[in-house]
């Protein structure tokens, strides 16, 4: 599948980040050379190195942009599902399903990046931790709005459920993973509801 070229209306450095995001997520960071990114972006090495200085800095910029875009799209899907806070929690799995079916599902960009690098890379762990903290804050907000007793703890549990669903979808390509995730989420919410009764 050819890499789509970023829109010409973007500035050259923005086209570089857009092309890098797509290639890093789809093909992997190690498998994606700078020359391929520049060819897709229609940009020069001078622009790349004057704006970013190195491939590592470009990886940082691309992952941060990917994380922000993913979180915004995910939050919008969940918010659009319902005004009811509990229904919004249950909308997490359908939001994952929409991503999976949307034509740009390559798994979690941060899990993938950490997995393909030396596990001691502190800068990659830092980026992944940033993304995870932002996701956790969003989920804790949902849990708090739903009146759950320990929203932070519930958010951690939801993160594990989401990570597991993403990994399961990546490995199997089987949407049955989503049905299992939905049943698990329903069970977790039932436990919370009975504890609060």
N, C-alpha and C. Protein backbone atom coordinates (compact mmCIF):
# COMPACT_ATOMS: atom_id res chain seq x y z
N UNK A 1 0.85 -1.19 0.00
CA UNK A 1 0.00 0.00 0.00
C UNK A 1 0.89 1.24 0.00
N UNK A 2 0.72 2.15 -0.97
CA UNK A 2 1.57 3.34 -1.01
C UNK A 2 1.28 4.27 0.16
N UNK A 3 2.30 4.98 0.60
CA UNK A 3 2.12 5.97 1.67
C UNK A 3 1.46 7.21 1.07
N UNK A 4 0.34 7.67 1.61
CA UNK A 4 -0.27 8.89 1.08
C UNK A 4 0.62 10.10 1.34
N UNK A 5 0.74 10.96 0.35
CA UNK A 5 1.55 12.16 0.52
C UNK A 5 0.79 13.18 1.37
N UNK A 6 1.48 13.86 2.28
CA UNK A 6 0.81 14.90 3.06
C UNK A 6 0.35 16.03 2.15
N UNK A 7 -0.70 16.76 2.54
CA UNK A 7 -1.20 17.85 1.71
C UNK A 7 -0.12 18.90 1.44
N UNK A 8 -0.09 19.38 0.21
CA UNK A 8 0.89 20.41 -0.18
C UNK A 8 0.71 21.70 0.61
N UNK A 9 -0.50 21.93 1.10
CA UNK A 9 -0.77 23.18 1.84
C UNK A 9 0.03 23.26 3.14
N UNK A 10 0.48 22.12 3.65
CA UNK A 10 1.28 22.13 4.87
C UNK A 10 2.67 22.67 4.59
N UNK A 11 3.25 23.28 5.61
CA UNK A 11 4.66 23.72 5.51
C UNK A 11 5.54 22.47 5.40
N UNK A 12 6.74 22.60 4.81
CA UNK A 12 7.60 21.43 4.62
C UNK A 12 7.85 20.62 5.89
N UNK A 13 8.12 21.31 7.02
CA UNK A 13 8.39 20.55 8.25
C UNK A 13 7.14 19.83 8.75
N UNK A 14 5.94 20.41 8.49
CA UNK A 14 4.70 19.73 8.87
C UNK A 14 4.47 18.51 7.99
N UNK A 15 4.83 18.61 6.70
CA UNK A 15 4.71 17.46 5.81
C UNK A 15 5.65 16.34 6.25
N UNK A 16 6.83 16.71 6.72
CA UNK A 16 7.78 15.70 7.21
C UNK A 16 7.18 14.96 8.41
N UNK A 17 6.62 15.69 9.36
CA UNK A 17 6.03 15.05 10.54
C UNK A 17 4.85 14.17 10.14
N UNK A 18 4.01 14.66 9.22
CA UNK A 18 2.85 13.88 8.79
C UNK A 18 3.28 12.57 8.12
N UNK A 19 4.26 12.65 7.25
CA UNK A 19 4.76 11.44 6.58
C UNK A 19 5.41 10.50 7.59
N UNK A 20 6.19 11.06 8.52
CA UNK A 20 6.86 10.24 9.54
C UNK A 20 5.84 9.55 10.42
N UNK A 21 4.80 10.26 10.83
CA UNK A 21 3.74 9.64 11.65
C UNK A 21 3.18 8.41 10.98
N UNK A 22 2.80 8.56 9.71
CA UNK A 22 2.19 7.45 8.98
C UNK A 22 3.15 6.27 8.87
N UNK A 23 4.38 6.55 8.48
CA UNK A 23 5.35 5.47 8.26
C UNK A 23 5.81 4.83 9.56
N UNK A 24 6.07 5.62 10.57
CA UNK A 24 6.50 5.04 11.85
C UNK A 24 5.41 4.14 12.42
N UNK A 25 4.15 4.59 12.33
CA UNK A 25 3.05 3.80 12.88
C UNK A 25 2.80 2.55 12.05
N UNK A 26 2.83 2.70 10.76
CA UNK A 26 2.48 1.58 9.89
C UNK A 26 3.62 0.58 9.70
N UNK A 27 4.83 1.09 9.49
CA UNK A 27 5.96 0.22 9.12
C UNK A 27 6.97 0.01 10.23
N UNK A 28 6.93 0.85 11.25
CA UNK A 28 7.92 0.78 12.32
C UNK A 28 8.98 1.86 12.16
N UNK A 29 9.60 2.19 13.26
CA UNK A 29 10.60 3.27 13.26
C UNK A 29 11.90 2.81 12.60
N UNK A 30 12.38 1.63 12.99
CA UNK A 30 13.65 1.16 12.42
C UNK A 30 13.54 0.90 10.93
N UNK A 31 12.36 0.45 10.48
CA UNK A 31 12.18 0.10 9.07
C UNK A 31 12.00 1.33 8.18
N UNK A 32 11.86 2.49 8.79
CA UNK A 32 11.57 3.71 8.04
C UNK A 32 12.79 4.63 8.02
N UNK A 33 13.40 4.75 6.87
CA UNK A 33 14.55 5.62 6.73
C UNK A 33 14.14 7.06 6.44
N UNK A 34 15.04 7.95 6.72
CA UNK A 34 14.80 9.38 6.52
C UNK A 34 14.52 9.69 5.04
N UNK A 35 15.22 9.01 4.14
CA UNK A 35 15.03 9.29 2.71
C UNK A 35 13.60 8.98 2.26
N UNK A 36 13.02 7.90 2.79
CA UNK A 36 11.63 7.56 2.44
C UNK A 36 10.67 8.63 2.95
N UNK A 37 10.91 9.11 4.15
CA UNK A 37 10.06 10.15 4.72
C UNK A 37 10.13 11.41 3.87
N UNK A 38 11.34 11.80 3.51
CA UNK A 38 11.52 13.02 2.73
C UNK A 38 10.89 12.91 1.35
N UNK A 39 11.00 11.72 0.74
CA UNK A 39 10.39 11.53 -0.58
C UNK A 39 8.87 11.66 -0.50
N UNK A 40 8.27 11.07 0.52
CA UNK A 40 6.81 11.17 0.69
C UNK A 40 6.38 12.59 1.02
N UNK A 41 7.21 13.30 1.77
CA UNK A 41 6.87 14.67 2.20
C UNK A 41 7.20 15.71 1.14
N UNK A 42 8.02 15.34 0.15
CA UNK A 42 8.46 16.33 -0.83
C UNK A 42 9.28 17.42 -0.18
N UNK A 43 10.16 17.01 0.74
CA UNK A 43 10.96 17.98 1.50
C UNK A 43 12.44 17.59 1.42
N UNK A 44 13.29 18.52 1.83
CA UNK A 44 14.73 18.32 1.71
C UNK A 44 15.35 17.90 3.04
N UNK A 45 16.54 17.30 2.94
CA UNK A 45 17.27 16.96 4.16
C UNK A 45 17.60 18.21 4.96
N UNK A 46 17.85 19.30 4.26
CA UNK A 46 18.17 20.55 4.95
C UNK A 46 17.01 20.96 5.87
N UNK A 47 15.78 20.83 5.37
CA UNK A 47 14.61 21.16 6.19
C UNK A 47 14.53 20.22 7.39
N UNK A 48 14.73 18.93 7.14
CA UNK A 48 14.66 17.96 8.22
C UNK A 48 15.66 18.29 9.32
N UNK A 49 16.91 18.47 8.96
CA UNK A 49 17.94 18.65 9.99
C UNK A 49 17.93 20.05 10.59
N UNK A 50 17.46 21.04 9.83
CA UNK A 50 17.39 22.38 10.42
C UNK A 50 16.23 22.47 11.42
N UNK A 51 15.13 21.75 11.16
CA UNK A 51 13.98 21.81 12.05
C UNK A 51 14.04 20.80 13.19
N UNK A 52 14.63 19.63 12.93
CA UNK A 52 14.60 18.56 13.93
C UNK A 52 15.98 18.16 14.43
N UNK A 53 16.99 18.26 13.60
CA UNK A 53 18.35 17.96 14.03
C UNK A 53 18.74 16.51 13.94
N UNK A 54 17.78 15.60 14.09
CA UNK A 54 18.10 14.17 14.07
C UNK A 54 16.82 13.36 13.85
N UNK A 55 16.99 12.10 13.50
CA UNK A 55 15.83 11.22 13.36
C UNK A 55 15.14 11.04 14.72
N UNK A 56 15.92 10.96 15.79
CA UNK A 56 15.33 10.79 17.12
C UNK A 56 14.38 11.94 17.44
N UNK A 57 14.79 13.16 17.12
CA UNK A 57 13.93 14.32 17.39
C UNK A 57 12.67 14.27 16.53
N UNK A 58 12.81 13.76 15.31
CA UNK A 58 11.64 13.61 14.45
C UNK A 58 10.70 12.55 15.02
N UNK A 59 11.25 11.46 15.54
CA UNK A 59 10.43 10.43 16.17
C UNK A 59 9.65 11.04 17.33
N UNK A 60 10.32 11.84 18.15
CA UNK A 60 9.64 12.49 19.27
C UNK A 60 8.46 13.33 18.78
N UNK A 61 8.72 14.17 17.76
CA UNK A 61 7.67 15.06 17.25
C UNK A 61 6.52 14.26 16.66
N UNK A 62 6.84 13.22 15.89
CA UNK A 62 5.80 12.41 15.24
C UNK A 62 4.97 11.66 16.27
N UNK A 63 5.61 11.07 17.27
CA UNK A 63 4.87 10.32 18.29
C UNK A 63 4.01 11.25 19.14
N UNK A 64 4.54 12.41 19.48
CA UNK A 64 3.73 13.35 20.28
C UNK A 64 2.48 13.78 19.50
N UNK A 65 2.66 14.05 18.20
CA UNK A 65 1.51 14.45 17.38
C UNK A 65 0.54 13.29 17.21
N UNK A 66 1.06 12.10 17.00
CA UNK A 66 0.20 10.92 16.87
C UNK A 66 -0.60 10.68 18.16
N UNK A 67 0.08 10.79 19.30
CA UNK A 67 -0.60 10.58 20.58
C UNK A 67 -1.70 11.59 20.80
N UNK A 68 -1.41 12.85 20.53
CA UNK A 68 -2.43 13.89 20.73
C UNK A 68 -3.62 13.67 19.80
N UNK A 69 -3.35 13.36 18.53
CA UNK A 69 -4.43 13.13 17.57
C UNK A 69 -5.28 11.92 17.98
N UNK A 70 -4.61 10.85 18.45
CA UNK A 70 -5.35 9.66 18.86
C UNK A 70 -6.23 9.96 20.07
N UNK A 71 -5.66 10.64 21.06
CA UNK A 71 -6.42 10.94 22.28
C UNK A 71 -7.63 11.83 21.97
N UNK A 72 -7.44 12.82 21.11
CA UNK A 72 -8.54 13.71 20.76
C UNK A 72 -9.65 12.96 20.04
N UNK A 73 -9.28 12.09 19.09
CA UNK A 73 -10.28 11.33 18.35
C UNK A 73 -11.01 10.35 19.27
N UNK A 74 -10.26 9.69 20.15
CA UNK A 74 -10.84 8.73 21.08
C UNK A 74 -11.81 9.43 22.04
N UNK A 75 -11.38 10.55 22.60
CA UNK A 75 -12.24 11.30 23.53
C UNK A 75 -13.50 11.80 22.84
N UNK A 76 -13.36 12.25 21.60
CA UNK A 76 -14.53 12.74 20.86
C UNK A 76 -15.53 11.62 20.61
N UNK A 77 -15.04 10.43 20.27
CA UNK A 77 -15.92 9.27 20.06
C UNK A 77 -16.68 8.92 21.33
N UNK A 78 -15.97 8.90 22.43
CA UNK A 78 -16.59 8.55 23.72
C UNK A 78 -17.61 9.62 24.12
N UNK A 79 -17.26 10.89 23.97
CA UNK A 79 -18.16 11.98 24.35
C UNK A 79 -19.43 11.99 23.50
N UNK A 80 -19.27 11.66 22.22
CA UNK A 80 -20.42 11.70 21.31
C UNK A 80 -21.40 10.55 21.56
N UNK A 81 -20.97 9.54 22.29
CA UNK A 81 -21.80 8.35 22.48
C UNK A 81 -23.02 8.62 23.35
N UNK A 82 -22.86 9.48 24.35
CA UNK A 82 -23.97 9.69 25.30
C UNK A 82 -23.65 10.86 26.22
N UNK A 83 -24.69 11.39 26.84
CA UNK A 83 -24.49 12.38 27.90
C UNK A 83 -24.38 11.71 29.26
N UNK A 84 -24.73 10.42 29.32
CA UNK A 84 -24.71 9.68 30.57
C UNK A 84 -23.28 9.20 30.87
N UNK A 85 -22.74 9.54 32.05
CA UNK A 85 -21.35 9.19 32.35
C UNK A 85 -21.06 7.69 32.30
N UNK A 86 -21.99 6.86 32.78
CA UNK A 86 -21.75 5.40 32.74
C UNK A 86 -21.78 4.90 31.30
N UNK A 87 -22.67 5.46 30.50
CA UNK A 87 -22.73 5.06 29.09
C UNK A 87 -21.44 5.46 28.37
N UNK A 88 -20.86 6.57 28.79
CA UNK A 88 -19.59 6.98 28.18
C UNK A 88 -18.48 5.99 28.52
N UNK A 89 -18.48 5.48 29.73
CA UNK A 89 -17.50 4.45 30.07
C UNK A 89 -17.69 3.22 29.18
N UNK A 90 -18.94 2.84 28.97
CA UNK A 90 -19.21 1.67 28.12
C UNK A 90 -18.88 1.95 26.65
N UNK A 91 -18.80 3.23 26.27
CA UNK A 91 -18.49 3.60 24.87
C UNK A 91 -17.01 3.43 24.54
N UNK A 92 -16.19 3.11 25.54
CA UNK A 92 -14.76 2.94 25.29
C UNK A 92 -14.50 1.84 24.27
N UNK A 93 -15.17 0.70 24.43
CA UNK A 93 -14.93 -0.42 23.50
C UNK A 93 -15.45 -0.09 22.10
N UNK A 94 -16.65 0.47 21.94
CA UNK A 94 -17.06 0.87 20.59
C UNK A 94 -16.11 1.90 19.94
N UNK A 95 -15.51 2.77 20.76
CA UNK A 95 -14.53 3.73 20.21
C UNK A 95 -13.31 2.99 19.69
N UNK A 96 -12.86 1.96 20.41
CA UNK A 96 -11.75 1.13 19.92
C UNK A 96 -12.15 0.40 18.64
N UNK A 97 -13.39 -0.06 18.59
CA UNK A 97 -13.88 -0.75 17.39
C UNK A 97 -13.87 0.18 16.19
N UNK A 98 -14.27 1.42 16.38
CA UNK A 98 -14.25 2.40 15.29
C UNK A 98 -12.85 2.62 14.77
N UNK A 99 -11.88 2.69 15.67
CA UNK A 99 -10.47 2.84 15.28
C UNK A 99 -10.02 1.60 14.50
N UNK A 100 -10.34 0.43 15.00
CA UNK A 100 -9.93 -0.82 14.37
C UNK A 100 -10.48 -0.94 12.95
N UNK A 101 -11.72 -0.50 12.77
CA UNK A 101 -12.37 -0.64 11.46
C UNK A 101 -12.10 0.55 10.55
N UNK A 102 -11.44 1.58 11.07
CA UNK A 102 -11.31 2.84 10.33
C UNK A 102 -10.24 2.91 9.26
N UNK A 103 -9.48 1.85 9.09
CA UNK A 103 -8.49 1.83 8.01
C UNK A 103 -7.10 2.33 8.40
N UNK A 104 -6.93 2.74 9.66
CA UNK A 104 -5.61 3.21 10.08
C UNK A 104 -5.27 2.62 11.46
N UNK A 105 -5.51 1.34 11.59
CA UNK A 105 -5.20 0.66 12.85
C UNK A 105 -3.87 -0.07 12.69
N UNK A 106 -2.84 0.42 13.40
CA UNK A 106 -1.53 -0.22 13.40
C UNK A 106 -1.12 -0.61 14.82
N UNK A 107 -2.07 -0.61 15.75
CA UNK A 107 -1.75 -0.83 17.15
C UNK A 107 -1.36 0.48 17.80
N UNK A 108 -0.98 0.40 19.06
CA UNK A 108 -0.57 1.60 19.80
C UNK A 108 0.82 2.02 19.35
N UNK A 109 0.95 3.26 18.90
CA UNK A 109 2.23 3.76 18.41
C UNK A 109 3.31 3.70 19.49
N UNK A 110 2.92 3.88 20.75
CA UNK A 110 3.88 3.94 21.84
C UNK A 110 4.32 2.53 22.27
N UNK A 111 3.38 1.61 22.36
CA UNK A 111 3.74 0.23 22.66
C UNK A 111 4.66 -0.30 21.55
N UNK A 112 4.29 -0.02 20.30
CA UNK A 112 5.10 -0.49 19.18
C UNK A 112 6.51 0.09 19.24
N UNK A 113 6.61 1.38 19.53
CA UNK A 113 7.93 2.03 19.56
C UNK A 113 8.81 1.46 20.65
N UNK A 114 8.26 1.28 21.84
CA UNK A 114 9.04 0.71 22.95
C UNK A 114 9.43 -0.73 22.62
N UNK A 115 8.52 -1.47 22.00
CA UNK A 115 8.77 -2.88 21.69
C UNK A 115 9.90 -3.07 20.69
N UNK A 116 10.05 -2.13 19.75
CA UNK A 116 11.06 -2.33 18.72
C UNK A 116 12.42 -1.70 19.05
N UNK A 117 12.53 -1.09 20.21
CA UNK A 117 13.80 -0.48 20.62
C UNK A 117 14.37 -1.23 21.82
N UNK A 118 15.63 -0.91 22.11
CA UNK A 118 16.25 -1.41 23.33
C UNK A 118 15.39 -0.97 24.51
N UNK A 119 15.08 -1.90 25.38
CA UNK A 119 14.12 -1.61 26.44
C UNK A 119 14.59 -0.54 27.43
N UNK A 120 15.86 -0.22 27.41
CA UNK A 120 16.36 0.80 28.32
C UNK A 120 16.32 2.22 27.76
N UNK A 121 15.72 2.41 26.56
CA UNK A 121 15.69 3.75 25.94
C UNK A 121 14.84 4.70 26.80
N UNK A 122 15.47 5.56 27.60
CA UNK A 122 14.66 6.39 28.51
C UNK A 122 13.76 7.39 27.79
N UNK A 123 14.19 7.92 26.66
CA UNK A 123 13.39 8.94 25.99
C UNK A 123 12.11 8.35 25.41
N UNK A 124 12.16 7.09 24.97
CA UNK A 124 10.94 6.46 24.46
C UNK A 124 9.98 6.13 25.61
N UNK A 125 10.54 5.66 26.72
CA UNK A 125 9.68 5.39 27.88
C UNK A 125 9.04 6.68 28.37
N UNK A 126 9.79 7.75 28.30
CA UNK A 126 9.26 9.06 28.72
C UNK A 126 8.06 9.45 27.85
N UNK A 127 8.19 9.28 26.52
CA UNK A 127 7.10 9.60 25.61
C UNK A 127 5.89 8.71 25.87
N UNK A 128 6.15 7.41 26.04
CA UNK A 128 5.06 6.47 26.29
C UNK A 128 4.37 6.78 27.62
N UNK A 129 5.15 7.15 28.63
CA UNK A 129 4.60 7.48 29.94
C UNK A 129 3.75 8.74 29.87
N UNK A 130 4.19 9.72 29.10
CA UNK A 130 3.40 10.95 28.88
C UNK A 130 2.03 10.61 28.29
N UNK A 131 2.06 9.79 27.25
CA UNK A 131 0.81 9.40 26.58
C UNK A 131 -0.09 8.64 27.54
N UNK A 132 0.50 7.71 28.26
CA UNK A 132 -0.28 6.89 29.20
C UNK A 132 -0.89 7.76 30.30
N UNK A 133 -0.14 8.73 30.79
CA UNK A 133 -0.66 9.61 31.85
C UNK A 133 -1.84 10.43 31.33
N UNK A 134 -1.74 10.91 30.09
CA UNK A 134 -2.85 11.68 29.52
C UNK A 134 -4.09 10.80 29.34
N UNK A 135 -3.89 9.56 28.89
CA UNK A 135 -5.02 8.62 28.75
C UNK A 135 -5.63 8.32 30.11
N UNK A 136 -4.76 8.11 31.10
CA UNK A 136 -5.24 7.80 32.45
C UNK A 136 -6.07 8.96 33.01
N UNK A 137 -5.60 10.18 32.79
CA UNK A 137 -6.33 11.35 33.30
C UNK A 137 -7.72 11.43 32.65
N UNK A 138 -7.80 11.17 31.36
CA UNK A 138 -9.09 11.18 30.67
C UNK A 138 -10.02 10.11 31.24
N UNK A 139 -9.49 8.90 31.40
CA UNK A 139 -10.31 7.80 31.91
C UNK A 139 -10.72 8.03 33.36
N UNK A 140 -9.81 8.59 34.16
CA UNK A 140 -10.15 8.90 35.55
C UNK A 140 -11.25 9.95 35.61
N UNK A 141 -11.22 10.91 34.69
CA UNK A 141 -12.29 11.90 34.62
C UNK A 141 -13.63 11.26 34.31
N UNK A 142 -13.63 10.32 33.36
CA UNK A 142 -14.87 9.60 33.05
C UNK A 142 -15.38 8.83 34.27
N UNK A 143 -14.45 8.14 34.94
CA UNK A 143 -14.84 7.34 36.11
C UNK A 143 -15.35 8.24 37.24
N UNK A 144 -14.71 9.38 37.42
CA UNK A 144 -15.16 10.33 38.43
C UNK A 144 -16.54 10.87 38.11
N UNK A 145 -16.76 11.24 36.84
CA UNK A 145 -18.09 11.74 36.42
C UNK A 145 -19.17 10.68 36.64
N UNK A 146 -18.77 9.41 36.51
CA UNK A 146 -19.72 8.30 36.69
C UNK A 146 -19.95 7.98 38.16
N UNK A 147 -19.25 8.69 39.05
CA UNK A 147 -19.46 8.50 40.48
C UNK A 147 -18.77 7.28 41.06
N UNK A 148 -17.76 6.75 40.38
CA UNK A 148 -17.07 5.59 40.92
C UNK A 148 -16.20 6.00 42.10
N UNK A 149 -16.06 5.11 43.06
CA UNK A 149 -15.41 5.44 44.34
C UNK A 149 -13.93 5.73 44.18
N UNK A 150 -13.25 5.01 43.31
CA UNK A 150 -11.80 5.17 43.14
C UNK A 150 -11.47 5.36 41.66
N UNK A 151 -11.73 6.56 41.14
CA UNK A 151 -11.59 6.77 39.69
C UNK A 151 -10.18 6.53 39.16
N UNK A 152 -9.15 6.87 39.95
CA UNK A 152 -7.78 6.66 39.49
C UNK A 152 -7.46 5.18 39.34
N UNK A 153 -7.86 4.39 40.32
CA UNK A 153 -7.64 2.94 40.25
C UNK A 153 -8.42 2.32 39.10
N UNK A 154 -9.66 2.79 38.91
CA UNK A 154 -10.47 2.25 37.83
C UNK A 154 -9.85 2.61 36.48
N UNK A 155 -9.30 3.82 36.39
CA UNK A 155 -8.64 4.24 35.15
C UNK A 155 -7.46 3.33 34.82
N UNK A 156 -6.68 2.95 35.84
CA UNK A 156 -5.55 2.02 35.61
C UNK A 156 -6.06 0.69 35.08
N UNK A 157 -7.15 0.20 35.65
CA UNK A 157 -7.74 -1.05 35.18
C UNK A 157 -8.20 -0.92 33.73
N UNK A 158 -8.84 0.20 33.42
CA UNK A 158 -9.28 0.44 32.04
C UNK A 158 -8.11 0.50 31.07
N UNK A 159 -7.01 1.12 31.50
CA UNK A 159 -5.82 1.18 30.63
C UNK A 159 -5.32 -0.22 30.30
N UNK A 160 -5.30 -1.10 31.30
CA UNK A 160 -4.87 -2.47 31.05
C UNK A 160 -5.83 -3.18 30.09
N UNK A 161 -7.12 -2.93 30.26
CA UNK A 161 -8.11 -3.51 29.37
C UNK A 161 -7.92 -3.01 27.93
N UNK A 162 -7.70 -1.71 27.79
CA UNK A 162 -7.50 -1.11 26.46
C UNK A 162 -6.22 -1.65 25.83
N UNK A 163 -5.12 -1.66 26.59
CA UNK A 163 -3.85 -2.19 26.06
C UNK A 163 -4.02 -3.64 25.61
N UNK A 164 -4.72 -4.44 26.43
CA UNK A 164 -4.94 -5.83 26.08
C UNK A 164 -5.77 -5.99 24.82
N UNK A 165 -6.81 -5.16 24.69
CA UNK A 165 -7.65 -5.22 23.50
C UNK A 165 -6.86 -4.84 22.25
N UNK A 166 -6.05 -3.79 22.35
CA UNK A 166 -5.24 -3.36 21.21
C UNK A 166 -4.26 -4.46 20.81
N UNK A 167 -3.58 -5.03 21.80
CA UNK A 167 -2.62 -6.10 21.51
C UNK A 167 -3.33 -7.31 20.90
N UNK A 168 -4.50 -7.66 21.44
CA UNK A 168 -5.25 -8.79 20.91
C UNK A 168 -5.68 -8.57 19.47
N UNK A 169 -6.12 -7.35 19.16
CA UNK A 169 -6.51 -7.03 17.79
C UNK A 169 -5.31 -7.07 16.85
N UNK A 170 -4.17 -6.58 17.33
CA UNK A 170 -2.96 -6.60 16.50
C UNK A 170 -2.54 -8.02 16.18
N UNK A 171 -2.56 -8.89 17.17
CA UNK A 171 -2.07 -10.26 17.00
C UNK A 171 -3.04 -11.09 16.17
N UNK A 172 -4.34 -10.98 16.47
CA UNK A 172 -5.32 -11.88 15.84
C UNK A 172 -6.07 -11.27 14.67
N UNK A 173 -6.25 -9.95 14.69
CA UNK A 173 -7.11 -9.32 13.69
C UNK A 173 -8.56 -9.74 13.83
N UNK A 174 -8.90 -10.30 14.97
CA UNK A 174 -10.24 -10.87 15.21
C UNK A 174 -11.06 -9.92 16.07
N UNK A 175 -12.17 -9.45 15.53
CA UNK A 175 -13.02 -8.51 16.27
C UNK A 175 -13.66 -9.14 17.50
N UNK A 176 -13.57 -10.46 17.63
CA UNK A 176 -14.07 -11.11 18.83
C UNK A 176 -13.38 -10.60 20.08
N UNK A 177 -12.16 -10.09 19.92
CA UNK A 177 -11.44 -9.47 21.04
C UNK A 177 -12.26 -8.33 21.63
N UNK A 178 -12.94 -7.59 20.78
CA UNK A 178 -13.73 -6.44 21.25
C UNK A 178 -14.93 -6.90 22.07
N UNK A 179 -15.55 -7.99 21.66
CA UNK A 179 -16.68 -8.53 22.43
C UNK A 179 -16.22 -8.96 23.81
N UNK A 180 -15.04 -9.58 23.87
CA UNK A 180 -14.48 -9.98 25.17
C UNK A 180 -14.19 -8.75 26.02
N UNK A 181 -13.62 -7.72 25.41
CA UNK A 181 -13.32 -6.47 26.13
C UNK A 181 -14.61 -5.84 26.66
N UNK A 182 -15.67 -5.85 25.85
CA UNK A 182 -16.95 -5.26 26.29
C UNK A 182 -17.53 -6.03 27.47
N UNK A 183 -17.46 -7.36 27.42
CA UNK A 183 -17.97 -8.16 28.55
C UNK A 183 -17.14 -7.91 29.81
N UNK A 184 -15.84 -7.78 29.64
CA UNK A 184 -14.97 -7.51 30.78
C UNK A 184 -15.29 -6.15 31.40
N UNK A 185 -15.49 -5.16 30.55
CA UNK A 185 -15.83 -3.82 31.04
C UNK A 185 -17.17 -3.84 31.77
N UNK A 186 -18.15 -4.54 31.22
CA UNK A 186 -19.45 -4.65 31.89
C UNK A 186 -19.29 -5.30 33.27
N UNK A 187 -18.45 -6.33 33.35
CA UNK A 187 -18.22 -7.02 34.64
C UNK A 187 -17.55 -6.08 35.64
N UNK A 188 -16.58 -5.31 35.17
CA UNK A 188 -15.90 -4.36 36.06
C UNK A 188 -16.87 -3.30 36.58
N UNK A 189 -17.72 -2.81 35.70
CA UNK A 189 -18.70 -1.80 36.12
C UNK A 189 -19.73 -2.40 37.07
N UNK A 190 -20.11 -3.65 36.86
CA UNK A 190 -21.06 -4.30 37.76
C UNK A 190 -20.48 -4.43 39.16
N UNK A 191 -19.19 -4.75 39.24
CA UNK A 191 -18.52 -4.83 40.55
C UNK A 191 -18.54 -3.46 41.22
N UNK A 192 -18.23 -2.41 40.46
CA UNK A 192 -18.23 -1.06 41.03
C UNK A 192 -19.62 -0.67 41.49
N UNK A 193 -20.64 -1.01 40.69
CA UNK A 193 -22.00 -0.66 41.06
C UNK A 193 -22.47 -1.38 42.33
N UNK A 194 -22.08 -2.66 42.44
CA UNK A 194 -22.49 -3.41 43.65
C UNK A 194 -21.72 -2.91 44.87
N UNK A 195 -20.48 -2.49 44.69
CA UNK A 195 -19.70 -1.96 45.81
C UNK A 195 -20.27 -0.64 46.29
N UNK A 196 -20.84 0.13 45.35
CA UNK A 196 -21.38 1.45 45.72
C UNK A 196 -22.82 1.38 46.20
N UNK A 197 -23.42 0.21 46.10
CA UNK A 197 -24.85 0.08 46.47
C UNK A 197 -25.02 0.16 47.99
